C-alpha cells in the first residue's frame, strides 16, 4: 500500500515543528556548558585563529560577573551584578547582532565573599518558553523565572539559605518539565542542604532531596542515561561524593560518599558510560574521579573506575570527545587521557591560569584564561597548540556557543566570534 501524501505532509510538519521547538546544539545553549553540560558542539562556524574582523558584535554589560550566557534560537540571556550594591541584572539580547531587547534589575544586599567571586556567578538555564535565574544571599536563595520577552513568570525567595565564605555559584538545569537546583550549603543550625525540583511552569515544589553537608559545593548536575533503564540525575560534592537520583521523583538510586576528600567546585560530566568529577582546595586540584554508575536494581554496582591525582583541575570541568577526556588545570596544564581507563596520553603546559571550563567545538578544544586569552588545542591524541586569541579583558566565565558562533563573556563585556 502506498503511503498517503497527507501522511508525508503531516510528518514533515511535525519534524519542522520539533526542530523549531528544540534548536540545534549550535543554536541552543540551554545551561552551563550547553546540552547536558557536556561542553561539546558540532557544526558551528568558530574560527581557530581570529582577528577583529571575526568579532561579529561586542556589547558592554551593565555590571560585573562570571556567569556564562545561555541561548535559545536567536535569544541570548546573561546575568550581571553591581559590585557595590549587589543589584542583580538579567539581560535578554539577540544572538544574531547583540542587540539588547530587555533589561531587568533586582535589588539585593551586599555580603562578604571570595574576592574572585561575583554577584553574578550562577549561569541561568533556558528552554523554549522561559529563562531560569538564581542568586543567593546568606539568608535566602532566589529562583526567578522570566519568559523570553522579559516578563516575570514566577519567583521564589523561600528556597532556603546558602552560606559560604566564598559566596555561591551553583547553576540550575531544566529536565523535561522540571527545574532542578542543588543547594549544598555550609550547614549550621537552621540551614539545610538539598537538591530541589520544581515545576518549570509554576515553581511548585515537586520533590526535595535533603542532604547533610559541611563543605559548600558549586557544581551543576548532569543527566546520566544508562544503556537500559531510566535516566539518573548525578551530582558531585565533598560530603556525599557522587549522588544519583531519579530526576522525576528525587528518589536516591546510588551514592559513593567517599569519592572526594576535598571540596567540589567543578561539575560532573557524563561520557562513555562513566561520570567524571574533580575536587581540590586552595586553588589546586587534588583528584579527578571517574565512576561506573549503579542502577536502581543494583545500586551496589556503582564503583570507582579510575582516579588521577597529578596536574588535575580543581575548578574547570573536563570535556570528553569520543574516547578521549581533556582535563584543563587551573594552573595551565592540559592533559589528554583515555576515557575508559584514565591513561594519560599527553600532558602539556599551555600557560595561564583558568577558572573557565573547556569546550570542544568541531574537533578543537577551546578555553579562556583568567587574563582573557582563548587558547585552542587539537582534540587529538597528539598535542597541538592551534591558536591564542586575546579578547581584551579578563574572564572567569566558561565559553558558550549560540547561533553557530562562540560567545565570550569577559568581566564587563559580551562578544560573539565567527559565523558566516
Protein backbone atom coordinates (compact mmCIF):
# COMPACT_ATOMS: atom_id res chain seq x y z
CA UNK A 1 0.00 0.00 0.00
CA UNK A 2 1.35 3.40 -0.97
CA UNK A 3 1.64 5.90 1.91
CA UNK A 4 -0.82 8.77 1.86
CA UNK A 5 0.67 12.04 0.60
CA UNK A 6 -1.10 13.74 3.52
CA UNK A 7 0.82 11.50 5.92
CA UNK A 8 4.09 12.73 4.39
CA UNK A 9 2.95 16.34 4.80
CA UNK A 10 1.97 15.76 8.44
CA UNK A 11 5.26 14.00 9.22
CA UNK A 12 7.23 16.76 7.55
CA UNK A 13 5.33 19.41 9.51
CA UNK A 14 5.92 17.51 12.75
CA UNK A 15 9.66 17.33 12.05
CA UNK A 16 9.78 21.06 11.33
CA UNK A 17 7.80 21.82 14.49
CA UNK A 18 10.16 19.68 16.57
CA UNK A 19 13.17 21.41 15.07
CA UNK A 20 11.63 24.79 15.89
CA UNK A 21 10.89 23.73 19.47
CA UNK A 22 14.38 22.42 20.13
CA UNK A 23 17.10 24.27 18.19
CA UNK A 24 20.29 22.52 17.13
CA UNK A 25 23.11 22.49 19.67
CA UNK A 26 24.96 25.22 17.78
CA UNK A 27 21.88 27.45 18.25
CA UNK A 28 20.56 26.24 21.61
CA UNK A 29 22.81 26.53 24.65
CA UNK A 30 20.35 25.75 27.45
CA UNK A 31 22.55 25.60 30.57
CA UNK A 32 26.11 25.82 31.89
CA UNK A 33 28.35 24.20 29.24
CA UNK A 34 25.48 23.56 26.83
CA UNK A 35 23.32 20.46 26.37
CA UNK A 36 23.66 18.24 29.47
CA UNK A 37 26.76 20.17 30.49
CA UNK A 38 28.88 18.16 28.06
CA UNK A 39 30.61 21.16 26.51
CA UNK A 40 30.62 19.62 23.01
CA UNK A 41 29.14 21.07 19.84
CA UNK A 42 29.38 20.25 16.13
CA UNK A 43 28.54 22.37 13.11
CA UNK A 44 29.45 25.80 14.45
CA UNK A 45 31.41 28.33 12.42
CA UNK A 46 34.04 29.24 15.00
CA UNK A 47 37.49 30.15 13.67
CA UNK A 48 40.65 28.67 15.12
CA UNK A 49 42.65 31.88 14.94
CA UNK A 50 40.62 35.04 14.80
CA UNK A 51 41.10 38.76 14.29
CA UNK A 52 38.92 41.77 14.99
CA UNK A 53 37.19 41.09 11.65
CA UNK A 54 35.84 37.81 13.05
CA UNK A 55 34.17 39.56 16.00
CA UNK A 56 30.58 39.93 14.82
CA UNK A 57 29.45 42.07 17.72
CA UNK A 58 30.60 43.34 21.09
CA UNK A 59 28.37 44.61 23.91
CA UNK A 60 29.26 46.43 27.13
CA UNK A 61 27.43 44.81 30.04
CA UNK A 62 25.70 46.86 32.76
CA UNK A 63 27.57 45.07 35.54
CA UNK A 64 30.25 42.60 36.52
CA UNK A 65 30.00 38.81 36.56
CA UNK A 66 31.34 35.35 35.87
CA UNK A 67 28.19 33.54 34.71
CA UNK A 68 28.04 32.15 31.19
CA UNK A 69 25.42 33.21 28.64
CA UNK A 70 22.69 30.79 27.57
CA UNK A 71 20.73 30.79 24.32
CA UNK A 72 17.56 29.54 22.67
CA UNK A 73 17.15 30.31 18.99
CA UNK A 74 18.04 33.96 18.48
CA UNK A 75 17.59 34.80 22.17
CA UNK A 76 20.64 35.15 24.38
CA UNK A 77 20.43 35.62 28.16
CA UNK A 78 23.11 36.68 30.64
CA UNK A 79 23.27 37.93 34.23
CA UNK A 80 25.31 40.72 35.83
CA UNK A 81 25.82 42.11 39.31
CA UNK A 82 26.70 45.51 40.74
CA UNK A 83 29.89 45.19 42.80
CA UNK A 84 28.84 47.89 45.28
CA UNK A 85 25.08 47.42 45.75
CA UNK A 86 24.72 43.70 44.85
CA UNK A 87 21.93 44.63 42.43
CA UNK A 88 21.20 41.66 40.15
CA UNK A 89 20.65 42.33 36.44
CA UNK A 90 19.26 40.00 33.77
CA UNK A 91 19.66 40.84 30.07
CA UNK A 92 17.84 39.47 27.05
CA UNK A 93 19.69 40.02 23.77
CA UNK A 94 19.58 38.95 20.13
CA UNK A 95 22.23 36.31 19.46
CA UNK A 96 22.46 37.45 15.83
CA UNK A 97 23.61 41.04 16.45
CA UNK A 98 23.94 41.54 20.23
CA UNK A 99 21.06 43.98 20.38
CA UNK A 100 19.66 44.37 23.91
CA UNK A 101 15.94 43.53 23.90
CA UNK A 102 15.24 43.99 27.59
CA UNK A 103 16.96 44.54 30.94
CA UNK A 104 15.60 43.67 34.38
CA UNK A 105 17.09 44.85 37.67
CA UNK A 106 16.54 43.45 41.18
CA UNK A 107 17.73 44.96 44.44
CA UNK A 108 19.75 42.78 46.78
CA UNK A 109 22.04 43.03 49.80
CA UNK A 110 25.86 43.10 49.66
CA UNK A 111 27.69 40.42 51.61
CA UNK A 112 31.23 39.14 52.08
CA UNK A 113 32.55 36.60 49.58
CA UNK A 114 35.77 35.44 47.97
CA UNK A 115 37.32 38.35 46.06
CA UNK A 116 37.35 36.20 42.92
CA UNK A 117 33.59 35.54 43.08
CA UNK A 118 30.81 37.90 41.97
CA UNK A 119 27.11 38.66 42.43
CA UNK A 120 26.50 37.04 39.05
CA UNK A 121 28.24 33.68 39.32
CA UNK A 122 25.42 31.21 38.58
CA UNK A 123 24.67 30.55 34.91
CA UNK A 124 20.93 30.66 34.01
CA UNK A 125 19.05 27.82 32.33
CA UNK A 126 16.64 28.28 29.41
CA UNK A 127 14.02 26.33 27.50
CA UNK A 128 11.60 27.14 24.67
CA UNK A 129 9.43 29.34 26.93
CA UNK A 130 11.38 30.67 29.91
CA UNK A 131 14.77 31.58 31.37
CA UNK A 132 15.57 30.44 34.93
CA UNK A 133 17.88 32.59 37.06
CA UNK A 134 19.20 32.03 40.58
CA UNK A 135 21.19 34.03 43.09
CA UNK A 136 21.81 33.90 46.81
CA UNK A 137 22.38 35.95 49.92
CA UNK A 138 23.43 34.37 53.23
CA UNK A 139 19.77 34.34 54.28
CA UNK A 140 17.99 33.15 51.14
CA UNK A 141 18.22 31.51 47.72
CA UNK A 142 16.18 33.18 44.97
CA UNK A 143 14.88 31.37 41.89
CA UNK A 144 13.49 33.85 39.35
CA UNK A 145 11.78 32.88 36.11
CA UNK A 146 11.14 35.19 33.14
CA UNK A 147 9.66 34.50 29.73
CA UNK A 148 11.71 35.26 26.64
CA UNK A 149 10.17 38.74 26.47
CA UNK A 150 11.40 39.54 29.99
CA UNK A 151 8.05 39.23 31.76
CA UNK A 152 8.23 37.59 35.17
CA UNK A 153 6.53 34.18 35.21
CA UNK A 154 7.16 33.35 38.87
CA UNK A 155 9.66 33.91 41.64
CA UNK A 156 10.61 32.04 44.78
CA UNK A 157 12.62 33.52 47.63
CA UNK A 158 11.87 30.67 50.04
CA UNK A 159 14.16 28.03 48.56
CA UNK A 160 16.44 28.19 51.61
CA UNK A 161 19.56 29.95 52.91
CA UNK A 162 23.02 29.46 51.45
CA UNK A 163 26.15 30.20 53.45
CA UNK A 164 29.80 30.05 52.48
CA UNK A 165 32.73 32.40 53.00
CA UNK A 166 33.32 32.12 49.25
CA UNK A 167 29.81 33.14 48.13
CA UNK A 168 27.69 30.99 45.81
CA UNK A 169 27.74 29.79 42.21
CA UNK A 170 25.62 26.64 41.65
CA UNK A 171 23.51 26.82 38.46
CA UNK A 172 20.04 25.38 37.70
CA UNK A 173 19.15 22.95 34.92
CA UNK A 174 15.91 22.14 33.11
CA UNK A 175 14.94 18.49 32.67
CA UNK A 176 11.66 17.83 30.85
CA UNK A 177 9.11 19.97 32.77
CA UNK A 178 11.23 20.43 35.90
CA UNK A 179 13.78 22.98 37.08
CA UNK A 180 16.42 21.36 39.29
CA UNK A 181 18.74 23.29 41.62
CA UNK A 182 21.33 21.95 44.06
CA UNK A 183 21.95 23.83 47.31
CA UNK A 184 24.87 22.34 49.25
CA UNK A 185 25.37 24.98 51.94
CA UNK A 186 27.86 25.01 54.78
CA UNK A 187 25.48 23.78 57.42
CA UNK A 188 24.89 25.32 60.79
CA UNK A 189 21.76 25.48 62.90
CA UNK A 190 18.78 26.44 60.77
CA UNK A 191 20.46 25.64 57.45
CA UNK A 192 19.70 22.63 55.30
CA UNK A 193 21.40 21.25 52.21
CA UNK A 194 19.25 19.75 49.48
CA UNK A 195 18.61 19.18 45.80
CA UNK A 196 15.28 20.67 44.72
CA UNK A 197 12.98 20.10 41.73
CA UNK A 198 10.11 22.46 40.93
CA UNK A 199 7.57 22.71 38.12
CA UNK A 200 9.04 24.85 35.34
CA UNK A 201 5.66 26.43 34.63
CA UNK A 202 4.60 27.30 38.18
CA UNK A 203 7.55 26.96 40.55
CA UNK A 204 5.64 24.47 42.70
CA UNK A 205 7.90 22.02 44.56
CA UNK A 206 7.81 18.52 43.07
CA UNK A 207 10.46 16.91 45.27
CA UNK A 208 13.23 17.83 47.69
CA UNK A 209 16.16 15.54 48.47
CA UNK A 210 17.66 16.60 51.82
CA UNK A 211 21.40 16.13 52.39
CA UNK A 212 23.96 16.76 55.13
CA UNK A 213 26.86 18.94 54.00
CA UNK A 214 29.75 20.69 55.70
CA UNK A 215 31.62 21.97 52.63
CA UNK A 216 29.64 24.10 50.18
CA UNK A 217 29.50 22.72 46.63
CA UNK A 218 29.41 24.78 43.44
CA UNK A 219 28.83 22.37 40.56
CA UNK A 220 25.83 21.81 38.29
CA UNK A 221 24.25 18.34 37.99
CA UNK A 222 24.11 16.33 34.78
CA UNK A 223 21.91 13.53 33.45
CA UNK A 224 23.38 10.04 33.03
CA UNK A 225 21.40 7.77 30.71
CA UNK A 226 22.13 4.06 31.30
CA UNK A 227 22.00 1.70 28.30
CA UNK A 228 18.72 0.45 29.73
CA UNK A 229 16.58 1.86 32.50
CA UNK A 230 15.52 5.37 33.49
CA UNK A 231 17.82 8.42 33.46
CA UNK A 232 19.78 9.43 36.54
CA UNK A 233 20.41 12.93 37.89
CA UNK A 234 24.05 12.90 39.07
CA UNK A 235 25.57 15.46 41.41
CA UNK A 236 29.03 15.60 43.00
CA UNK A 237 30.05 17.07 46.36
CA UNK A 238 32.62 16.57 49.10
CA UNK A 239 30.29 15.23 51.79
CA UNK A 240 28.18 12.87 49.66
CA UNK A 241 30.60 12.07 46.86
CA UNK A 242 28.62 11.08 43.77
CA UNK A 243 24.84 11.07 44.24
CA UNK A 244 22.41 9.69 41.64
CA UNK A 245 18.70 10.46 41.93
CA UNK A 246 15.63 9.68 39.88
CA UNK A 247 15.05 13.11 38.27
CA UNK A 248 11.28 12.57 38.25
CA UNK A 249 10.87 11.68 41.94
CA UNK A 250 14.10 12.62 43.75
CA UNK A 251 14.47 9.04 44.96
CA UNK A 252 18.07 8.00 45.71
CA UNK A 253 19.37 5.42 43.22
CA UNK A 254 23.00 5.08 44.35
CA UNK A 255 25.70 7.03 46.14
CA UNK A 256 29.50 6.84 46.54
CA UNK A 257 30.07 9.02 49.57
CA UNK A 258 33.86 8.54 49.91
CA UNK A 259 34.80 9.67 46.40
CA UNK A 260 36.15 13.14 47.26
CA UNK A 261 38.39 14.10 50.20
CA UNK A 262 38.13 17.84 49.41
CA UNK A 263 35.71 20.47 48.10
CA UNK A 264 33.98 20.04 44.72
CA UNK A 265 33.70 23.21 42.62
CA UNK A 266 33.56 21.88 39.05
CA UNK A 267 30.59 19.98 37.64
CA UNK A 268 30.19 16.28 36.89
CA UNK A 269 30.16 15.24 33.23
CA UNK A 270 28.68 12.02 31.80
CA UNK A 271 30.50 10.29 28.93
CA UNK A 272 31.41 6.79 27.77
CA UNK A 273 29.29 5.05 30.40
CA UNK A 274 31.08 6.96 33.20
CA UNK A 275 30.53 10.08 35.27
CA UNK A 276 33.63 12.17 35.97
CA UNK A 277 34.21 14.97 38.51
CA UNK A 278 37.08 16.59 40.40
CA UNK A 279 37.87 18.04 43.83
CA UNK A 280 40.57 20.27 45.27
CA UNK A 281 41.47 23.03 47.69
CA UNK A 282 43.37 26.29 47.79
CA UNK A 283 43.26 26.80 44.04
CA UNK A 284 44.73 23.39 43.24
CA UNK A 285 43.17 20.17 42.03
CA UNK A 286 43.51 17.10 44.20
CA UNK A 287 41.89 14.31 42.20
CA UNK A 288 39.73 13.55 39.18
CA UNK A 289 37.47 10.56 39.78
CA UNK A 290 35.58 8.52 37.17
CA UNK A 291 32.79 6.24 38.39
CA UNK A 292 30.80 3.48 36.78
CA UNK A 293 27.20 4.19 37.87
CA UNK A 294 24.95 1.69 39.59
CA UNK A 295 21.31 1.07 38.71
CA UNK A 296 18.00 1.12 40.53
CA UNK A 297 18.07 -2.67 40.65
CA UNK A 298 21.77 -2.89 41.56
CA UNK A 299 22.85 0.31 43.32
CA UNK A 300 25.85 -1.54 44.75
CA UNK A 301 27.32 -1.83 41.27
CA UNK A 302 28.41 1.83 41.48
CA UNK A 303 32.21 1.84 41.70
CA UNK A 304 35.24 4.00 41.01
CA UNK A 305 36.64 3.16 37.57
CA UNK A 306 39.84 5.22 37.85
CA UNK A 307 41.41 8.18 39.68
CA UNK A 308 44.04 10.72 38.62
CA UNK A 309 45.89 12.97 41.06
CA UNK A 310 48.72 14.64 39.10
CA UNK A 311 48.25 18.09 37.50
CA UNK A 312 44.45 17.77 37.62
CA UNK A 313 41.87 20.59 37.61
CA UNK A 314 40.00 21.96 40.61
CA UNK A 315 37.53 24.45 39.10
CA UNK A 316 37.45 23.66 35.33
CA UNK A 317 35.11 20.81 34.34
CA UNK A 318 36.60 18.20 31.93
CA UNK A 319 35.32 17.68 28.38
CA UNK A 320 35.01 14.28 26.68
CA UNK A 321 35.49 13.81 22.93
CA UNK A 322 34.75 10.29 21.69
CA UNK A 323 37.12 8.01 23.65
CA UNK A 324 39.32 10.83 24.97
CA UNK A 325 38.91 13.09 28.00
CA UNK A 326 40.56 16.51 28.15
CA UNK A 327 41.48 17.98 31.53
CA UNK A 328 42.38 21.66 31.78
CA UNK A 329 44.14 22.50 35.03
CA UNK A 330 43.70 25.76 36.92
CA UNK A 331 47.44 26.40 36.60
CA UNK A 332 47.58 25.95 32.83
CA UNK A 333 48.43 22.26 32.39
CA UNK A 334 46.22 20.49 29.83
CA UNK A 335 46.02 16.70 29.66
CA UNK A 336 44.51 14.16 27.30
CA UNK A 337 43.55 10.82 28.90
CA UNK A 338 41.82 7.65 27.78
CA UNK A 339 38.22 7.99 28.87
CA UNK A 340 37.80 4.30 29.65
CA UNK A 341 40.96 3.83 31.71
CA UNK A 342 42.35 7.23 32.77
CA UNK A 343 45.64 6.50 30.98
CA UNK A 344 47.45 9.79 30.31
CA UNK A 345 48.10 10.21 26.58
CA UNK A 346 49.81 13.59 26.88
CA UNK A 347 50.28 16.34 29.46
CA UNK A 348 51.48 19.80 28.42
CA UNK A 349 51.76 23.25 29.96
CA UNK A 350 49.73 25.68 27.85
CA UNK A 351 50.29 28.57 30.27
CA UNK A 352 47.97 30.97 32.03
CA UNK A 353 45.53 30.45 34.90
CA UNK A 354 41.94 29.26 34.48
CA UNK A 355 38.55 29.22 36.16
CA UNK A 356 36.64 28.57 32.92
CA UNK A 357 35.85 25.06 31.68
CA UNK A 358 36.95 23.91 28.21
CA UNK A 359 34.60 23.32 25.28
CA UNK A 360 35.09 21.13 22.23
CA UNK A 361 33.89 22.75 19.00
CA UNK A 362 34.23 20.71 15.81
CA UNK A 363 37.25 18.73 16.98
CA UNK A 364 39.04 21.58 18.72
CA UNK A 365 39.26 22.34 22.45
CA UNK A 366 38.80 25.98 23.47
CA UNK A 367 39.27 27.61 26.86
CA UNK A 368 39.63 31.18 28.07
CA UNK A 369 42.21 32.15 30.68
CA UNK A 370 41.70 34.49 33.62
CA UNK A 371 43.78 37.05 31.71
CA UNK A 372 41.42 36.90 28.72
CA UNK A 373 43.16 34.68 26.18
CA UNK A 374 41.24 31.97 24.32
CA UNK A 375 43.62 29.05 23.84
CA UNK A 376 42.80 26.47 21.16
CA UNK A 377 44.12 22.89 21.12
CA UNK A 378 43.53 19.99 18.78
CA UNK A 379 41.16 17.42 20.34
CA UNK A 380 43.54 14.63 19.41
CA UNK A 381 45.96 12.05 20.77
CA UNK A 382 48.86 14.26 19.71
CA UNK A 383 49.29 17.59 21.48
CA UNK A 384 48.93 20.53 19.13
CA UNK A 385 48.56 24.16 20.13
CA UNK A 386 46.49 25.75 17.36
CA UNK A 387 46.00 29.37 18.44
CA UNK A 388 45.98 32.00 21.15
CA UNK A 389 43.26 34.63 20.78
CA UNK A 390 43.26 37.67 23.12
CA UNK A 391 39.79 39.06 23.93
CA UNK A 392 40.89 42.32 25.51
CA UNK A 393 39.81 41.75 29.12
CA UNK A 394 39.98 39.10 31.82
CA UNK A 395 37.37 36.35 32.08
CA UNK A 396 36.32 33.79 34.69
CA UNK A 397 33.30 32.63 32.66
CA UNK A 398 33.10 29.48 30.55
CA UNK A 399 32.60 29.95 26.82
CA UNK A 400 29.26 29.35 25.10
CA UNK A 401 28.08 28.73 21.53
CA UNK A 402 24.98 30.40 20.09
CA UNK A 403 23.84 30.82 16.52
CA UNK A 404 26.88 28.91 15.31
CA UNK A 405 29.20 31.46 16.92
CA UNK A 406 31.32 31.45 20.04
CA UNK A 407 30.12 33.81 22.76
CA UNK A 408 32.80 35.06 25.16
CA UNK A 409 31.85 36.71 28.44
CA UNK A 410 34.61 38.86 29.95
CA UNK A 411 34.30 40.77 33.23
CA UNK A 412 32.30 43.61 31.65
CA UNK A 413 31.61 42.66 28.01
CA UNK A 414 29.98 40.07 25.79
CA UNK A 415 31.34 39.34 22.33
CA UNK A 416 30.39 36.96 19.54
CA UNK A 417 33.02 35.43 17.27
CA UNK A 418 32.68 33.57 13.97
CA UNK A 419 29.69 32.72 11.82
CA UNK A 420 29.19 33.34 8.16
